[in-house]
Amino acid sequence: MVASTTVGLIKHLLSEAEDLLAKKDSLQSSEKLYKAAEECIKILSERFNLEESKTAEERGRWTVTLLERAVGKLVDKIGIDVQLEWDAANYLHVWGFHEAKLDAEDVRRRMPIIKKLIELTEKV
């Protein structure tokens, strides 16, 4: 099943992020955490049969716009935590990876937030 494979990928990304953070590589750790969160949103979108998931499949890729729309719909279905967790992941993506402005402690503080999104994804 695709979803179980993706959950395995998410856990692998989380493990890589933890290893990278232990080595003080906040840039790559930020990106692994973001990717884990992105995969969570994709799985949740599939599980809730959201239009964005179908659109991404038709286009052959997800866009930021589709992810944002999916997050908004997921908030309506499972609560505001999805938005907060996605926002933390996006912050890591922009400020930790693209801008390289976050240090290891900045990333470490956000890791439990991403873990909550992973746990939520597993439960749903």
PDB file of N, CA and C in Angstrom:
ATOM      1  N   MET A   1       0.844  -1.200   0.000  1.00  0.00           N
ATOM      2  CA  MET A   1       0.000   0.000   0.000  1.00  0.00           C
ATOM      3  C   MET A   1       0.877   1.248   0.000  1.00  0.00           C
ATOM      4  N   VAL A   2       0.495   2.232  -0.776  1.00  0.00           N
ATOM      5  CA  VAL A   2       1.281   3.456  -0.916  1.00  0.00           C
ATOM      6  C   VAL A   2       1.420   4.189   0.418  1.00  0.00           C
ATOM      7  N   ALA A   3       0.339   4.300   1.174  1.00  0.00           N
ATOM      8  CA  ALA A   3       0.367   5.062   2.425  1.00  0.00           C
ATOM      9  C   ALA A   3       1.360   4.473   3.416  1.00  0.00           C
ATOM     10  N   SER A   4       1.395   3.146   3.562  1.00  0.00           N
ATOM     11  CA  SER A   4       2.324   2.553   4.523  1.00  0.00           C
ATOM     12  C   SER A   4       3.767   2.768   4.084  1.00  0.00           C
ATOM     13  N   THR A   5       4.021   2.709   2.787  1.00  0.00           N
ATOM     14  CA  THR A   5       5.354   2.996   2.271  1.00  0.00           C
ATOM     15  C   THR A   5       5.726   4.435   2.598  1.00  0.00           C
ATOM     16  N   THR A   6       4.802   5.338   2.443  1.00  0.00           N
ATOM     17  CA  THR A   6       5.070   6.739   2.707  1.00  0.00           C
ATOM     18  C   THR A   6       5.297   6.985   4.190  1.00  0.00           C
ATOM     19  N   VAL A   7       4.568   6.284   5.064  1.00  0.00           N
ATOM     20  CA  VAL A   7       4.801   6.428   6.500  1.00  0.00           C
ATOM     21  C   VAL A   7       6.217   5.956   6.823  1.00  0.00           C
ATOM     22  N   GLY A   8       6.661   4.893   6.162  1.00  0.00           N
ATOM     23  CA  GLY A   8       8.034   4.442   6.341  1.00  0.00           C
ATOM     24  C   GLY A   8       9.031   5.507   5.902  1.00  0.00           C
ATOM     25  N   LEU A   9       8.744   6.158   4.789  1.00  0.00           N
ATOM     26  CA  LEU A   9       9.587   7.245   4.304  1.00  0.00           C
ATOM     27  C   LEU A   9       9.632   8.386   5.318  1.00  0.00           C
ATOM     28  N   ILE A  10       8.482   8.717   5.870  1.00  0.00           N
ATOM     29  CA  ILE A  10       8.404   9.803   6.852  1.00  0.00           C
ATOM     30  C   ILE A  10       9.272   9.490   8.065  1.00  0.00           C
ATOM     31  N   LYS A  11       9.183   8.268   8.550  1.00  0.00           N
ATOM     32  CA  LYS A  11       9.990   7.885   9.712  1.00  0.00           C
ATOM     33  C   LYS A  11      11.483   7.905   9.369  1.00  0.00           C
ATOM     34  N   HIS A  12      11.809   7.522   8.146  1.00  0.00           N
ATOM     35  CA  HIS A  12      13.203   7.571   7.704  1.00  0.00           C
ATOM     36  C   HIS A  12      13.694   9.026   7.662  1.00  0.00           C
ATOM     37  N   LEU A  13      12.871   9.918   7.137  1.00  0.00           N
ATOM     38  CA  LEU A  13      13.235  11.338   7.085  1.00  0.00           C
ATOM     39  C   LEU A  13      13.429  11.904   8.491  1.00  0.00           C
ATOM     40  N   LEU A  14      12.560  11.525   9.415  1.00  0.00           N
ATOM     41  CA  LEU A  14      12.680  11.980  10.803  1.00  0.00           C
ATOM     42  C   LEU A  14      13.984  11.480  11.413  1.00  0.00           C
ATOM     43  N   SER A  15      14.300  10.221  11.186  1.00  0.00           N
ATOM     44  CA  SER A  15      15.545   9.646  11.703  1.00  0.00           C
ATOM     45  C   SER A  15      16.765  10.371  11.124  1.00  0.00           C
ATOM     46  N   GLU A  16      16.733  10.647   9.833  1.00  0.00           N
ATOM     47  CA  GLU A  16      17.822  11.394   9.207  1.00  0.00           C
ATOM     48  C   GLU A  16      17.942  12.797   9.806  1.00  0.00           C
ATOM     49  N   ALA A  17      16.799  13.432  10.035  1.00  0.00           N
ATOM     50  CA  ALA A  17      16.809  14.786  10.622  1.00  0.00           C
ATOM     51  C   ALA A  17      17.448  14.759  12.009  1.00  0.00           C
ATOM     52  N   GLU A  18      17.115  13.750  12.790  1.00  0.00           N
ATOM     53  CA  GLU A  18      17.687  13.634  14.137  1.00  0.00           C
ATOM     54  C   GLU A  18      19.195  13.406  14.067  1.00  0.00           C
ATOM     55  N   ASP A  19      19.629  12.550  13.155  1.00  0.00           N
ATOM     56  CA  ASP A  19      21.069  12.292  12.984  1.00  0.00           C
ATOM     57  C   ASP A  19      21.806  13.553  12.543  1.00  0.00           C
ATOM     58  N   LEU A  20      21.240  14.263  11.587  1.00  0.00           N
ATOM     59  CA  LEU A  20      21.858  15.494  11.102  1.00  0.00           C
ATOM     60  C   LEU A  20      21.922  16.558  12.192  1.00  0.00           C
ATOM     61  N   LEU A  21      20.890  16.622  12.988  1.00  0.00           N
ATOM     62  CA  LEU A  21      20.861  17.611  14.066  1.00  0.00           C
ATOM     63  C   LEU A  21      21.924  17.291  15.114  1.00  0.00           C
ATOM     64  N   ALA A  22      22.120  16.008  15.379  1.00  0.00           N
ATOM     65  CA  ALA A  22      23.173  15.599  16.316  1.00  0.00           C
ATOM     66  C   ALA A  22      24.549  16.036  15.817  1.00  0.00           C
ATOM     67  N   LYS A  23      24.694  16.145  14.507  1.00  0.00           N
ATOM     68  CA  LYS A  23      25.953  16.589  13.897  1.00  0.00           C
ATOM     69  C   LYS A  23      25.971  18.105  13.697  1.00  0.00           C
ATOM     70  N   LYS A  24      24.963  18.779  14.226  1.00  0.00           N
ATOM     71  CA  LYS A  24      24.827  20.244  14.141  1.00  0.00           C
ATOM     72  C   LYS A  24      24.590  20.736  12.714  1.00  0.00           C
ATOM     73  N   ASP A  25      24.044  19.868  11.871  1.00  0.00           N
ATOM     74  CA  ASP A  25      23.711  20.273  10.507  1.00  0.00           C
ATOM     75  C   ASP A  25      22.254  20.731  10.480  1.00  0.00           C
ATOM     76  N   SER A  26      22.043  21.948  10.923  1.00  0.00           N
ATOM     77  CA  SER A  26      20.678  22.455  11.034  1.00  0.00           C
ATOM     78  C   SER A  26      20.040  22.680   9.663  1.00  0.00           C
ATOM     79  N   LEU A  27      20.830  22.982   8.660  1.00  0.00           N
ATOM     80  CA  LEU A  27      20.302  23.230   7.326  1.00  0.00           C
ATOM     81  C   LEU A  27      19.641  21.967   6.767  1.00  0.00           C
ATOM     82  N   GLN A  28      20.371  20.872   6.721  1.00  0.00           N
ATOM     83  CA  GLN A  28      19.815  19.640   6.169  1.00  0.00           C
ATOM     84  C   GLN A  28      18.758  19.027   7.081  1.00  0.00           C
ATOM     85  N   SER A  29      18.922  19.178   8.377  1.00  0.00           N
ATOM     86  CA  SER A  29      17.915  18.687   9.318  1.00  0.00           C
ATOM     87  C   SER A  29      16.591  19.414   9.105  1.00  0.00           C
ATOM     88  N   SER A  30      16.659  20.718   8.890  1.00  0.00           N
ATOM     89  CA  SER A  30      15.451  21.508   8.618  1.00  0.00           C
ATOM     90  C   SER A  30      14.717  20.977   7.404  1.00  0.00           C
ATOM     91  N   GLU A  31      15.477  20.680   6.358  1.00  0.00           N
ATOM     92  CA  GLU A  31      14.842  20.227   5.123  1.00  0.00           C
ATOM     93  C   GLU A  31      14.244  18.833   5.275  1.00  0.00           C
ATOM     94  N   LYS A  32      14.899  17.955   6.012  1.00  0.00           N
ATOM     95  CA  LYS A  32      14.349  16.607   6.234  1.00  0.00           C
ATOM     96  C   LYS A  32      13.044  16.692   7.034  1.00  0.00           C
ATOM     97  N   LEU A  33      13.003  17.564   8.021  1.00  0.00           N
ATOM     98  CA  LEU A  33      11.772  17.735   8.804  1.00  0.00           C
ATOM     99  C   LEU A  33      10.651  18.309   7.943  1.00  0.00           C
ATOM    100  N   TYR A  34      10.990  19.268   7.104  1.00  0.00           N
ATOM    101  CA  TYR A  34       9.984  19.822   6.203  1.00  0.00           C
ATOM    102  C   TYR A  34       9.452  18.739   5.272  1.00  0.00           C
ATOM    103  N   LYS A  35      10.349  17.956   4.703  1.00  0.00           N
ATOM    104  CA  LYS A  35       9.931  16.901   3.774  1.00  0.00           C
ATOM    105  C   LYS A  35       9.042  15.880   4.478  1.00  0.00           C
ATOM    106  N   ALA A  36       9.349  15.559   5.722  1.00  0.00           N
ATOM    107  CA  ALA A  36       8.512  14.636   6.496  1.00  0.00           C
ATOM    108  C   ALA A  36       7.113  15.226   6.654  1.00  0.00           C
ATOM    109  N   ALA A  37       7.038  16.507   6.985  1.00  0.00           N
ATOM    110  CA  ALA A  37       5.741  17.173   7.148  1.00  0.00           C
ATOM    111  C   ALA A  37       4.986  17.228   5.824  1.00  0.00           C
ATOM    112  N   GLU A  38       5.689  17.504   4.752  1.00  0.00           N
ATOM    113  CA  GLU A  38       5.059  17.553   3.436  1.00  0.00           C
ATOM    114  C   GLU A  38       4.436  16.196   3.089  1.00  0.00           C
ATOM    115  N   GLU A  39       5.168  15.134   3.372  1.00  0.00           N
ATOM    116  CA  GLU A  39       4.637  13.789   3.111  1.00  0.00           C
ATOM    117  C   GLU A  39       3.416  13.501   3.984  1.00  0.00           C
ATOM    118  N   CYS A  40       3.427  14.006   5.203  1.00  0.00           N
ATOM    119  CA  CYS A  40       2.252  13.842   6.082  1.00  0.00           C
ATOM    120  C   CYS A  40       1.023  14.499   5.461  1.00  0.00           C
ATOM    121  N   ILE A  41       1.188  15.701   4.957  1.00  0.00           N
ATOM    122  CA  ILE A  41       0.063  16.415   4.345  1.00  0.00           C
ATOM    123  C   ILE A  41      -0.445  15.647   3.128  1.00  0.00           C
ATOM    124  N   LYS A  42       0.453  15.099   2.353  1.00  0.00           N
ATOM    125  CA  LYS A  42       0.053  14.313   1.185  1.00  0.00           C
ATOM    126  C   LYS A  42      -0.742  13.072   1.603  1.00  0.00           C
ATOM    127  N   ILE A  43      -0.259  12.362   2.611  1.00  0.00           N
ATOM    128  CA  ILE A  43      -0.961  11.161   3.100  1.00  0.00           C
ATOM    129  C   ILE A  43      -2.342  11.532   3.625  1.00  0.00           C
ATOM    130  N   LEU A  44      -2.396  12.563   4.457  1.00  0.00           N
ATOM    131  CA  LEU A  44      -3.681  12.979   5.025  1.00  0.00           C
ATOM    132  C   LEU A  44      -4.648  13.407   3.923  1.00  0.00           C
ATOM    133  N   SER A  45      -4.133  14.063   2.907  1.00  0.00           N
ATOM    134  CA  SER A  45      -4.975  14.484   1.784  1.00  0.00           C
ATOM    135  C   SER A  45      -5.555  13.284   1.054  1.00  0.00           C
ATOM    136  N   GLU A  46      -4.739  12.255   0.881  1.00  0.00           N
ATOM    137  CA  GLU A  46      -5.224  11.026   0.246  1.00  0.00           C
ATOM    138  C   GLU A  46      -6.270  10.342   1.121  1.00  0.00           C
ATOM    139  N   ARG A  47      -5.981  10.256   2.401  1.00  0.00           N
ATOM    140  CA  ARG A  47      -6.893   9.563   3.316  1.00  0.00           C
ATOM    141  C   ARG A  47      -8.245  10.239   3.414  1.00  0.00           C
ATOM    142  N   PHE A  48      -8.249  11.559   3.283  1.00  0.00           N
ATOM    143  CA  PHE A  48      -9.513  12.294   3.336  1.00  0.00           C
ATOM    144  C   PHE A  48     -10.068  12.561   1.941  1.00  0.00           C
ATOM    145  N   ASN A  49      -9.431  11.973   0.947  1.00  0.00           N
ATOM    146  CA  ASN A  49      -9.914  12.047  -0.435  1.00  0.00           C
ATOM    147  C   ASN A  49     -10.104  13.499  -0.891  1.00  0.00           C
ATOM    148  N   LEU A  50      -9.119  14.326  -0.570  1.00  0.00           N
ATOM    149  CA  LEU A  50      -9.214  15.742  -0.934  1.00  0.00           C
ATOM    150  C   LEU A  50      -8.961  15.944  -2.423  1.00  0.00           C
ATOM    151  N   GLU A  51      -9.620  16.940  -2.957  1.00  0.00           N
ATOM    152  CA  GLU A  51      -9.469  17.311  -4.366  1.00  0.00           C
ATOM    153  C   GLU A  51      -8.008  17.617  -4.712  1.00  0.00           C
ATOM    154  N   GLU A  52      -7.279  18.202  -3.764  1.00  0.00           N
ATOM    155  CA  GLU A  52      -5.877  18.579  -4.003  1.00  0.00           C
ATOM    156  C   GLU A  52      -5.016  17.346  -4.293  1.00  0.00           C
ATOM    157  N   SER A  53      -5.322  16.262  -3.638  1.00  0.00           N
ATOM    158  CA  SER A  53      -4.588  15.020  -3.880  1.00  0.00           C
ATOM    159  C   SER A  53      -4.813  14.524  -5.304  1.00  0.00           C
ATOM    160  N   LYS A  54      -6.044  14.603  -5.741  1.00  0.00           N
ATOM    161  CA  LYS A  54      -6.375  14.187  -7.112  1.00  0.00           C
ATOM    162  C   LYS A  54      -5.713  15.111  -8.133  1.00  0.00           C
ATOM    163  N   THR A  55      -5.738  16.398  -7.860  1.00  0.00           N
ATOM    164  CA  THR A  55      -5.117  17.370  -8.761  1.00  0.00           C
ATOM    165  C   THR A  55      -3.611  17.117  -8.858  1.00  0.00           C
ATOM    166  N   ALA A  56      -2.971  16.866  -7.730  1.00  0.00           N
ATOM    167  CA  ALA A  56      -1.532  16.593  -7.723  1.00  0.00           C
ATOM    168  C   ALA A  56      -1.219  15.340  -8.533  1.00  0.00           C
ATOM    169  N   GLU A  57      -2.070  14.338  -8.398  1.00  0.00           N
ATOM    170  CA  GLU A  57      -1.868  13.102  -9.155  1.00  0.00           C
ATOM    171  C   GLU A  57      -2.001  13.362 -10.659  1.00  0.00           C
ATOM    172  N   GLU A  58      -3.000  14.135 -11.035  1.00  0.00           N
ATOM    173  CA  GLU A  58      -3.194  14.466 -12.454  1.00  0.00           C
ATOM    174  C   GLU A  58      -2.009  15.252 -13.014  1.00  0.00           C
ATOM    175  N   ARG A  59      -1.491  16.179 -12.218  1.00  0.00           N
ATOM    176  CA  ARG A  59      -0.374  17.023 -12.658  1.00  0.00           C
ATOM    177  C   ARG A  59       0.980  16.304 -12.543  1.00  0.00           C
ATOM    178  N   GLY A  60       0.999  15.267 -11.746  1.00  0.00           N
ATOM    179  CA  GLY A  60       2.247  14.540 -11.531  1.00  0.00           C
ATOM    180  C   GLY A  60       3.141  15.152 -10.470  1.00  0.00           C
ATOM    181  N   ARG A  61       2.614  16.128  -9.723  1.00  0.00           N
ATOM    182  CA  ARG A  61       3.399  16.762  -8.655  1.00  0.00           C
ATOM    183  C   ARG A  61       2.506  17.631  -7.776  1.00  0.00           C
ATOM    184  N   TRP A  62       3.000  17.848  -6.574  1.00  0.00           N
ATOM    185  CA  TRP A  62       2.354  18.755  -5.641  1.00  0.00           C
ATOM    186  C   TRP A  62       3.003  20.121  -5.778  1.00  0.00           C
ATOM    187  N   THR A  63       2.218  21.160  -5.572  1.00  0.00           N
ATOM    188  CA  THR A  63       2.739  22.527  -5.534  1.00  0.00           C
ATOM    189  C   THR A  63       2.488  23.095  -4.142  1.00  0.00           C
ATOM    190  N   VAL A  64       3.136  24.187  -3.842  1.00  0.00           N
ATOM    191  CA  VAL A  64       2.910  24.862  -2.560  1.00  0.00           C
ATOM    192  C   VAL A  64       1.441  25.261  -2.433  1.00  0.00           C
ATOM    193  N   THR A  65       0.867  25.713  -3.515  1.00  0.00           N
ATOM    194  CA  THR A  65      -0.542  26.122  -3.501  1.00  0.00           C
ATOM    195  C   THR A  65      -1.447  24.946  -3.146  1.00  0.00           C
ATOM    196  N   LEU A  66      -1.208  23.793  -3.744  1.00  0.00           N
ATOM    197  CA  LEU A  66      -2.018  22.611  -3.431  1.00  0.00           C
ATOM    198  C   LEU A  66      -1.823  22.185  -1.978  1.00  0.00           C
ATOM    199  N   LEU A  67      -0.583  22.230  -1.510  1.00  0.00           N
ATOM    200  CA  LEU A  67      -0.325  21.867  -0.112  1.00  0.00           C
ATOM    201  C   LEU A  67      -1.059  22.809   0.836  1.00  0.00           C
ATOM    202  N   GLU A  68      -0.992  24.100   0.570  1.00  0.00           N
ATOM    203  CA  GLU A  68      -1.669  25.087   1.423  1.00  0.00           C
ATOM    204  C   GLU A  68      -3.185  24.871   1.434  1.00  0.00           C
ATOM    205  N   ARG A  69      -3.752  24.647   0.272  1.00  0.00           N
ATOM    206  CA  ARG A  69      -5.201  24.391   0.201  1.00  0.00           C
ATOM    207  C   ARG A  69      -5.563  23.131   0.971  1.00  0.00           C
ATOM    208  N   ALA A  70      -4.738  22.100   0.818  1.00  0.00           N
ATOM    209  CA  ALA A  70      -4.989  20.843   1.524  1.00  0.00           C
ATOM    210  C   ALA A  70      -4.925  21.058   3.030  1.00  0.00           C
ATOM    211  N   VAL A  71      -3.946  21.808   3.490  1.00  0.00           N
ATOM    212  CA  VAL A  71      -3.829  22.077   4.929  1.00  0.00           C
ATOM    213  C   VAL A  71      -5.092  22.769   5.434  1.00  0.00           C
ATOM    214  N   GLY A  72      -5.581  23.754   4.692  1.00  0.00           N
ATOM    215  CA  GLY A  72      -6.808  24.446   5.098  1.00  0.00           C
ATOM    216  C   GLY A  72      -7.984  23.502   5.239  1.00  0.00           C
ATOM    217  N   LYS A  73      -8.123  22.587   4.310  1.00  0.00           N
ATOM    218  CA  LYS A  73      -9.225  21.619   4.378  1.00  0.00           C
ATOM    219  C   LYS A  73      -9.008  20.610   5.501  1.00  0.00           C
ATOM    220  N   LEU A  74      -7.761  20.247   5.744  1.00  0.00           N
ATOM    221  CA  LEU A  74      -7.471  19.307   6.832  1.00  0.00           C
ATOM    222  C   LEU A  74      -7.770  19.931   8.192  1.00  0.00           C
ATOM    223  N   VAL A  75      -7.540  21.227   8.313  1.00  0.00           N
ATOM    224  CA  VAL A  75      -7.882  21.929   9.553  1.00  0.00           C
ATOM    225  C   VAL A  75      -9.371  21.762   9.841  1.00  0.00           C
ATOM    226  N   ASP A  76     -10.188  21.908   8.816  1.00  0.00           N
ATOM    227  CA  ASP A  76     -11.633  21.752   8.989  1.00  0.00           C
ATOM    228  C   ASP A  76     -12.006  20.332   9.406  1.00  0.00           C
ATOM    229  N   LYS A  77     -11.225  19.362   8.980  1.00  0.00           N
ATOM    230  CA  LYS A  77     -11.547  17.964   9.252  1.00  0.00           C
ATOM    231  C   LYS A  77     -10.947  17.437  10.552  1.00  0.00           C
ATOM    232  N   ILE A  78      -9.710  17.846  10.871  1.00  0.00           N
ATOM    233  CA  ILE A  78      -9.055  17.255  12.045  1.00  0.00           C
ATOM    234  C   ILE A  78      -8.487  18.255  13.047  1.00  0.00           C
ATOM    235  N   GLY A  79      -8.638  19.545  12.774  1.00  0.00           N
ATOM    236  CA  GLY A  79      -8.276  20.527  13.784  1.00  0.00           C
ATOM    237  C   GLY A  79      -7.103  21.433  13.428  1.00  0.00           C
ATOM    238  N   ILE A  80      -6.983  22.487  14.214  1.00  0.00           N
ATOM    239  CA  ILE A  80      -6.015  23.560  13.982  1.00  0.00           C
ATOM    240  C   ILE A  80      -4.568  23.102  14.118  1.00  0.00           C
ATOM    241  N   ASP A  81      -4.327  22.015  14.854  1.00  0.00           N
ATOM    242  CA  ASP A  81      -2.956  21.544  15.023  1.00  0.00           C
ATOM    243  C   ASP A  81      -2.267  21.293  13.686  1.00  0.00           C
ATOM    244  N   VAL A  82      -3.014  20.830  12.695  1.00  0.00           N
ATOM    245  CA  VAL A  82      -2.421  20.587  11.373  1.00  0.00           C
ATOM    246  C   VAL A  82      -1.825  21.880  10.818  1.00  0.00           C
ATOM    247  N   GLN A  83      -2.517  22.983  10.980  1.00  0.00           N
ATOM    248  CA  GLN A  83      -2.014  24.274  10.491  1.00  0.00           C
ATOM    249  C   GLN A  83      -0.754  24.677  11.250  1.00  0.00           C
ATOM    250  N   LEU A  84      -0.797  24.543  12.562  1.00  0.00           N
ATOM    251  CA  LEU A  84       0.345  24.941  13.384  1.00  0.00           C
ATOM    252  C   LEU A  84       1.571  24.092  13.071  1.00  0.00           C
ATOM    253  N   GLU A  85       1.352  22.809  12.883  1.00  0.00           N
ATOM    254  CA  GLU A  85       2.458  21.900  12.564  1.00  0.00           C
ATOM    255  C   GLU A  85       3.010  22.186  11.170  1.00  0.00           C
ATOM    256  N   TRP A  86       2.121  22.436  10.217  1.00  0.00           N
ATOM    257  CA  TRP A  86       2.552  22.781   8.869  1.00  0.00           C
ATOM    258  C   TRP A  86       3.326  24.100   8.874  1.00  0.00           C
ATOM    259  N   ASP A  87       2.848  25.073   9.634  1.00  0.00           N
ATOM    260  CA  ASP A  87       3.537  26.358   9.711  1.00  0.00           C
ATOM    261  C   ASP A  87       4.954  26.195  10.269  1.00  0.00           C
ATOM    262  N   ALA A  88       5.110  25.347  11.270  1.00  0.00           N
ATOM    263  CA  ALA A  88       6.447  25.095  11.835  1.00  0.00           C
ATOM    264  C   ALA A  88       7.352  24.461  10.782  1.00  0.00           C
ATOM    265  N   ALA A  89       6.810  23.522  10.029  1.00  0.00           N
ATOM    266  CA  ALA A  89       7.594  22.863   8.978  1.00  0.00           C
ATOM    267  C   ALA A  89       7.986  23.862   7.890  1.00  0.00           C
ATOM    268  N   ASN A  90       7.046  24.687   7.507  1.00  0.00           N
ATOM    269  CA  ASN A  90       7.325  25.681   6.472  1.00  0.00           C
ATOM    270  C   ASN A  90       8.377  26.684   6.952  1.00  0.00           C
ATOM    271  N   TYR A  91       8.326  27.046   8.217  1.00  0.00           N
ATOM    272  CA  TYR A  91       9.326  27.936   8.804  1.00  0.00           C
ATOM    273  C   TYR A  91      10.713  27.307   8.694  1.00  0.00           C
ATOM    274  N   LEU A  92      10.800  26.012   9.009  1.00  0.00           N
ATOM    275  CA  LEU A  92      12.075  25.301   8.882  1.00  0.00           C
ATOM    276  C   LEU A  92      12.557  25.297   7.430  1.00  0.00           C
ATOM    277  N   HIS A  93      11.622  25.110   6.527  1.00  0.00           N
ATOM    278  CA  HIS A  93      11.961  25.047   5.105  1.00  0.00           C
ATOM    279  C   HIS A  93      12.548  26.375   4.622  1.00  0.00           C
ATOM    280  N   VAL A  94      11.886  27.447   4.967  1.00  0.00           N
ATOM    281  CA  VAL A  94      12.321  28.763   4.499  1.00  0.00           C
ATOM    282  C   VAL A  94      13.545  29.254   5.270  1.00  0.00           C
ATOM    283  N   TRP A  95      13.425  29.345   6.603  1.00  0.00           N
ATOM    284  CA  TRP A  95      14.476  29.977   7.400  1.00  0.00           C
ATOM    285  C   TRP A  95      15.610  29.037   7.776  1.00  0.00           C
ATOM    286  N   GLY A  96      15.317  27.738   7.845  1.00  0.00           N
ATOM    287  CA  GLY A  96      16.363  26.779   8.181  1.00  0.00           C
ATOM    288  C   GLY A  96      17.116  26.278   6.969  1.00  0.00           C
ATOM    289  N   PHE A  97      16.394  26.045   5.872  1.00  0.00           N
ATOM    290  CA  PHE A  97      17.023  25.492   4.677  1.00  0.00           C
ATOM    291  C   PHE A  97      17.389  26.577   3.665  1.00  0.00           C
ATOM    292  N   HIS A  98      16.397  27.261   3.117  1.00  0.00           N
ATOM    293  CA  HIS A  98      16.680  28.242   2.065  1.00  0.00           C
ATOM    294  C   HIS A  98      17.523  29.420   2.542  1.00  0.00           C
ATOM    295  N   GLU A  99      17.176  29.972   3.689  1.00  0.00           N
ATOM    296  CA  GLU A  99      17.892  31.155   4.178  1.00  0.00           C
ATOM    297  C   GLU A  99      19.066  30.807   5.097  1.00  0.00           C
ATOM    298  N   ALA A 100      19.104  29.566   5.594  1.00  0.00           N
ATOM    299  CA  ALA A 100      20.188  29.094   6.478  1.00  0.00           C
ATOM    300  C   ALA A 100      20.408  30.024   7.673  1.00  0.00           C
ATOM    301  N   LYS A 101      19.314  30.433   8.303  1.00  0.00           N
ATOM    302  CA  LYS A 101      19.392  31.365   9.429  1.00  0.00           C
ATOM    303  C   LYS A 101      19.158  30.705  10.782  1.00  0.00           C
ATOM    304  N   LEU A 102      18.810  29.419  10.804  1.00  0.00           N
ATOM    305  CA  LEU A 102      18.511  28.745  12.063  1.00  0.00           C
ATOM    306  C   LEU A 102      19.687  27.901  12.514  1.00  0.00           C
ATOM    307  N   ASP A 103      19.921  27.906  13.827  1.00  0.00           N
ATOM    308  CA  ASP A 103      20.961  27.019  14.359  1.00  0.00           C
ATOM    309  C   ASP A 103      20.316  25.736  14.869  1.00  0.00           C
ATOM    310  N   ALA A 104      21.129  24.847  15.368  1.00  0.00           N
ATOM    311  CA  ALA A 104      20.645  23.529  15.799  1.00  0.00           C
ATOM    312  C   ALA A 104      19.559  23.643  16.868  1.00  0.00           C
ATOM    313  N   GLU A 105      19.708  24.568  17.783  1.00  0.00           N
ATOM    314  CA  GLU A 105      18.702  24.712  18.843  1.00  0.00           C
ATOM    315  C   GLU A 105      17.369  25.193  18.285  1.00  0.00           C
ATOM    316  N   ASP A 106      17.401  26.081  17.316  1.00  0.00           N
ATOM    317  CA  ASP A 106      16.170  26.547  16.667  1.00  0.00           C
ATOM    318  C   ASP A 106      15.426  25.375  16.034  1.00  0.00           C
ATOM    319  N   VAL A 107      16.162  24.509  15.384  1.00  0.00           N
ATOM    320  CA  VAL A 107      15.559  23.334  14.740  1.00  0.00           C
ATOM    321  C   VAL A 107      15.072  22.351  15.793  1.00  0.00           C
ATOM    322  N   ARG A 108      15.884  22.111  16.806  1.00  0.00           N
ATOM    323  CA  ARG A 108      15.535  21.164  17.875  1.00  0.00           C
ATOM    324  C   ARG A 108      14.211  21.534  18.552  1.00  0.00           C
ATOM    325  N   ARG A 109      13.980  22.827  18.754  1.00  0.00           N
ATOM    326  CA  ARG A 109      12.734  23.277  19.393  1.00  0.00           C
ATOM    327  C   ARG A 109      11.508  22.943  18.555  1.00  0.00           C
ATOM    328  N   ARG A 110      11.674  22.884  17.255  1.00  0.00           N
ATOM    329  CA  ARG A 110      10.535  22.619  16.369  1.00  0.00           C
ATOM    330  C   ARG A 110      10.338  21.134  16.069  1.00  0.00           C
ATOM    331  N   MET A 111      11.318  20.331  16.364  1.00  0.00           N
ATOM    332  CA  MET A 111      11.216  18.906  16.055  1.00  0.00           C
ATOM    333  C   MET A 111      10.002  18.236  16.714  1.00  0.00           C
ATOM    334  N   PRO A 112       9.699  18.503  17.979  1.00  0.00           N
ATOM    335  CA  PRO A 112       8.516  17.871  18.578  1.00  0.00           C
ATOM    336  C   PRO A 112       7.206  18.254  17.873  1.00  0.00           C
ATOM    337  N   ILE A 113       7.165  19.424  17.286  1.00  0.00           N
ATOM    338  CA  ILE A 113       5.969  19.861  16.565  1.00  0.00           C
ATOM    339  C   ILE A 113       5.785  19.003  15.310  1.00  0.00           C
ATOM    340  N   ILE A 114       6.866  18.748  14.611  1.00  0.00           N
ATOM    341  CA  ILE A 114       6.800  17.907  13.418  1.00  0.00           C
ATOM    342  C   ILE A 114       6.476  16.472  13.815  1.00  0.00           C
ATOM    343  N   LYS A 115       7.019  16.025  14.934  1.00  0.00           N
ATOM    344  CA  LYS A 115       6.711  14.668  15.425  1.00  0.00           C
ATOM    345  C   LYS A 115       5.215  14.522  15.710  1.00  0.00           C
ATOM    346  N   LYS A 116       4.592  15.575  16.218  1.00  0.00           N
ATOM    347  CA  LYS A 116       3.144  15.525  16.466  1.00  0.00           C
ATOM    348  C   LYS A 116       2.363  15.341  15.168  1.00  0.00           C
ATOM    349  N   LEU A 117       2.799  15.990  14.112  1.00  0.00           N
ATOM    350  CA  LEU A 117       2.146  15.833  12.819  1.00  0.00           C
ATOM    351  C   LEU A 117       2.326  14.403  12.318  1.00  0.00           C
ATOM    352  N   ILE A 118       3.477  13.832  12.519  1.00  0.00           N
ATOM    353  CA  ILE A 118       3.727  12.448  12.110  1.00  0.00           C
ATOM    354  C   ILE A 118       2.822  11.503  12.902  1.00  0.00           C
ATOM    355  N   GLU A 119       2.728  11.716  14.198  1.00  0.00           N
ATOM    356  CA  GLU A 119       1.864  10.888  15.045  1.00  0.00           C
ATOM    357  C   GLU A 119       0.408  11.001  14.603  1.00  0.00           C
ATOM    358  N   LEU A 120      -0.020  12.207  14.319  1.00  0.00           N
ATOM    359  CA  LEU A 120      -1.393  12.440  13.847  1.00  0.00           C
ATOM    360  C   LEU A 120      -1.633  11.684  12.545  1.00  0.00           C
ATOM    361  N   THR A 121      -0.676  11.736  11.664  1.00  0.00           N
ATOM    362  CA  THR A 121      -0.796  11.057  10.383  1.00  0.00           C
ATOM    363  C   THR A 121      -0.938   9.555  10.568  1.00  0.00           C
ATOM    364  N   GLU A 122      -0.172   9.006  11.492  1.00  0.00           N
ATOM    365  CA  GLU A 122      -0.245   7.573  11.765  1.00  0.00           C
ATOM    366  C   GLU A 122      -1.602   7.170  12.334  1.00  0.00           C
ATOM    367  N   LYS A 123      -2.182   8.045  13.147  1.00  0.00           N
ATOM    368  CA  LYS A 123      -3.464   7.740  13.799  1.00  0.00           C
ATOM    369  C   LYS A 123      -4.644   7.772  12.831  1.00  0.00           C
ATOM    370  N   VAL A 124      -4.587   8.703  11.887  1.00  0.00           N
ATOM    371  CA  VAL A 124      -5.731   8.919  10.996  1.00  0.00           C
ATOM    372  C   VAL A 124      -5.856   7.786   9.987  1.00  0.00           C
TER     373      VAL A 124
END
